[in-house]
Amino acid sequence: MSHVAELIAAVEGSSFASFVSLTPFAYAVLSAAHIIGIALLVGSIVPVDLRLLGVLGPHFDAALASLVRIAVLGFAIAASTGAALASVRLGEYASNPAFLGKMALLAAAGLNAAVLRIAHGSLEELRTRSRAGARRSGTLSLLFWTAAIFAGRLIAFT
């Protein structure tokens, strides 16, 4: 058995995965929390991206830092609950193209955010120094997060 297969079996056989799958309403509560995390993340990052694209005006600038913090909180909730949900059927998900695509899209979205932060510093600096960079980052962010949501929904159907 490969190391990956051993890891997957260990996760699926863990007491936590058993708790999630056997405790009444645990999976449903985690699923609802996952959706709340996604809502916080996407609901907060879309206005930031629209500001980077120039669709929203400078009157949103004062809220950008707070929106980013809420998006990070939403990501933390979605990632932790998503990992908990996946623990129950990790073996199935590991070979599911929609799940693997979603993971790749999440990595791409995170890389886009990291490049934005490292290369340009604050959102204000980015908007004033590099309009093309701001637009590129905002466009990629909207595409990656939207595609990740669709991929997440496809997991149940593949």
Protein backbone atom coordinates (compact mmCIF):
# COMPACT_ATOMS: atom_id res chain seq x y z
CA MET A 1 0.00 0.00 0.00
CA SER A 2 1.39 3.43 -0.92
CA HIS A 3 1.97 6.15 1.64
CA VAL A 4 -0.91 8.16 0.19
CA ALA A 5 -3.27 5.18 0.41
CA GLU A 6 -2.15 4.58 4.00
CA LEU A 7 -2.80 8.24 4.87
CA ILE A 8 -6.24 8.16 3.26
CA ALA A 9 -7.13 4.95 5.14
CA ALA A 10 -5.90 6.48 8.40
CA VAL A 11 -8.01 9.61 7.90
CA GLU A 12 -11.13 7.63 6.97
CA GLY A 13 -10.57 5.28 9.92
CA SER A 14 -9.96 8.06 12.41
CA SER A 15 -12.21 8.59 15.39
CA PHE A 16 -13.00 12.06 14.05
CA ALA A 17 -14.25 10.71 10.70
CA SER A 18 -16.30 8.14 12.60
CA PHE A 19 -17.75 10.89 14.78
CA VAL A 20 -18.72 12.94 11.71
CA SER A 21 -20.33 10.01 9.93
CA LEU A 22 -22.05 8.38 12.93
CA THR A 23 -23.18 11.30 15.09
CA PRO A 24 -26.68 12.47 14.21
CA PHE A 25 -26.64 15.84 12.48
CA ALA A 26 -22.82 16.22 12.65
CA TYR A 27 -22.41 15.98 8.88
CA ALA A 28 -25.37 18.31 8.31
CA VAL A 29 -24.05 20.90 10.78
CA LEU A 30 -20.60 20.76 9.19
CA SER A 31 -22.14 21.08 5.73
CA ALA A 32 -24.15 24.14 6.80
CA ALA A 33 -21.05 25.69 8.39
CA HIS A 34 -19.15 24.99 5.16
CA ILE A 35 -21.77 26.91 3.20
CA ILE A 36 -21.63 29.79 5.70
CA GLY A 37 -17.84 29.89 5.33
CA ILE A 38 -18.14 29.98 1.54
CA ALA A 39 -20.74 32.75 1.78
CA LEU A 40 -18.48 34.84 4.03
CA LEU A 41 -15.50 34.24 1.77
CA VAL A 42 -17.11 34.90 -1.59
CA GLY A 43 -19.46 37.57 -0.29
CA SER A 44 -16.48 39.51 1.02
CA ILE A 45 -13.98 38.89 -1.75
CA VAL A 46 -16.27 39.80 -4.66
CA PRO A 47 -16.49 43.50 -3.66
CA VAL A 48 -12.69 43.56 -3.22
CA ASP A 49 -12.25 42.07 -6.68
CA LEU A 50 -14.76 44.49 -8.18
CA ARG A 51 -12.81 47.35 -6.63
CA LEU A 52 -9.58 45.98 -8.15
CA LEU A 53 -11.35 45.86 -11.50
CA GLY A 54 -12.48 49.46 -11.09
CA VAL A 55 -16.17 48.53 -11.14
CA LEU A 56 -16.66 49.87 -7.61
CA GLY A 57 -15.41 53.33 -6.83
CA PRO A 58 -13.11 54.68 -4.13
CA HIS A 59 -15.97 55.01 -1.64
CA PHE A 60 -15.39 51.27 -0.93
CA ASP A 61 -11.71 51.75 -0.04
CA ALA A 62 -12.35 52.22 3.66
CA ALA A 63 -14.04 48.82 3.85
CA LEU A 64 -11.46 46.81 1.87
CA ALA A 65 -9.26 45.76 4.80
CA SER A 66 -12.30 44.61 6.78
CA LEU A 67 -13.66 42.72 3.78
CA VAL A 68 -10.34 40.92 3.34
CA ARG A 69 -10.35 39.92 7.03
CA ILE A 70 -13.89 38.58 6.71
CA ALA A 71 -12.86 36.66 3.58
CA VAL A 72 -9.95 35.09 5.46
CA LEU A 73 -12.33 34.09 8.28
CA GLY A 74 -14.72 32.62 5.72
CA PHE A 75 -11.88 30.69 4.12
CA ALA A 76 -10.79 29.32 7.49
CA ILE A 77 -14.33 28.14 8.22
CA ALA A 78 -14.82 26.66 4.74
CA ALA A 79 -11.43 24.93 4.71
CA SER A 80 -11.75 23.41 8.16
CA THR A 81 -15.30 22.22 7.66
CA GLY A 82 -14.46 21.02 4.15
CA ALA A 83 -11.60 18.93 5.50
CA ALA A 84 -13.93 17.48 8.13
CA LEU A 85 -16.55 16.64 5.52
CA ALA A 86 -13.96 15.09 3.19
CA SER A 87 -12.55 12.93 5.98
CA VAL A 88 -15.59 10.68 5.81
CA ARG A 89 -15.04 9.65 2.15
CA LEU A 90 -11.51 10.80 1.40
CA GLY A 91 -10.74 7.69 -0.66
CA GLU A 92 -13.64 8.43 -3.02
CA TYR A 93 -12.77 12.12 -3.22
CA ALA A 94 -9.10 11.41 -3.95
CA SER A 95 -10.13 9.94 -7.30
CA ASN A 96 -12.99 12.34 -8.03
CA PRO A 97 -12.07 14.77 -10.86
CA ALA A 98 -14.41 17.46 -9.54
CA PHE A 99 -12.85 17.27 -6.06
CA LEU A 100 -9.33 17.34 -7.47
CA GLY A 101 -10.29 20.25 -9.72
CA LYS A 102 -11.74 22.12 -6.76
CA MET A 103 -8.53 21.60 -4.79
CA ALA A 104 -6.48 22.89 -7.75
CA LEU A 105 -8.75 25.94 -8.08
CA LEU A 106 -8.46 26.69 -4.37
CA ALA A 107 -4.68 26.47 -4.64
CA ALA A 108 -4.74 28.79 -7.67
CA ALA A 109 -6.96 31.29 -5.83
CA GLY A 110 -4.63 31.23 -2.84
CA LEU A 111 -1.58 31.66 -5.06
CA ASN A 112 -3.25 34.58 -6.82
CA ALA A 113 -3.92 36.25 -3.45
CA ALA A 114 -0.35 35.58 -2.27
CA VAL A 115 1.15 37.00 -5.46
CA LEU A 116 -1.08 40.04 -5.13
CA ARG A 117 0.04 40.61 -1.55
CA ILE A 118 3.74 39.86 -2.04
CA ALA A 119 4.21 41.65 -5.35
CA HIS A 120 2.14 44.71 -4.62
CA GLY A 121 1.71 45.03 -0.85
CA SER A 122 -1.51 46.74 0.10
CA LEU A 123 -4.58 46.97 -2.09
CA GLU A 124 -4.11 50.73 -2.20
CA GLU A 125 -0.58 50.39 -3.58
CA LEU A 126 -1.75 47.92 -6.16
CA ARG A 127 -4.57 50.13 -7.39
CA THR A 128 -2.35 53.20 -7.68
CA ARG A 129 0.86 51.58 -9.02
CA SER A 130 -0.40 48.78 -11.22
CA ARG A 131 -3.89 49.06 -12.68
CA ALA A 132 -3.17 46.14 -15.03
CA GLY A 133 -1.98 44.01 -12.11
CA ALA A 134 -5.06 44.94 -10.10
CA ARG A 135 -7.38 44.03 -12.94
CA ARG A 136 -5.58 40.77 -13.64
CA SER A 137 -5.69 39.75 -9.98
CA GLY A 138 -9.35 40.71 -9.58
CA THR A 139 -10.33 38.85 -12.74
CA LEU A 140 -8.42 35.72 -11.78
CA SER A 141 -9.87 35.80 -8.26
CA LEU A 142 -13.44 36.02 -9.55
CA LEU A 143 -12.80 33.20 -12.02
CA PHE A 144 -11.05 30.90 -9.52
CA TRP A 145 -13.60 31.30 -6.72
CA THR A 146 -16.58 30.95 -9.05
CA ALA A 147 -15.10 27.86 -10.69
CA ALA A 148 -14.29 26.38 -7.26
CA ILE A 149 -17.94 26.75 -6.23
CA PHE A 150 -19.09 24.99 -9.40
CA ALA A 151 -16.51 22.24 -8.94
CA GLY A 152 -17.67 21.80 -5.36
CA ARG A 153 -21.24 21.31 -6.49
CA LEU A 154 -20.11 18.83 -9.15
CA ILE A 155 -18.48 16.61 -6.53
CA ALA A 156 -21.87 15.21 -5.58
CA PHE A 157 -22.64 14.32 -9.20
CA THR A 158 -19.39 12.63 -10.26
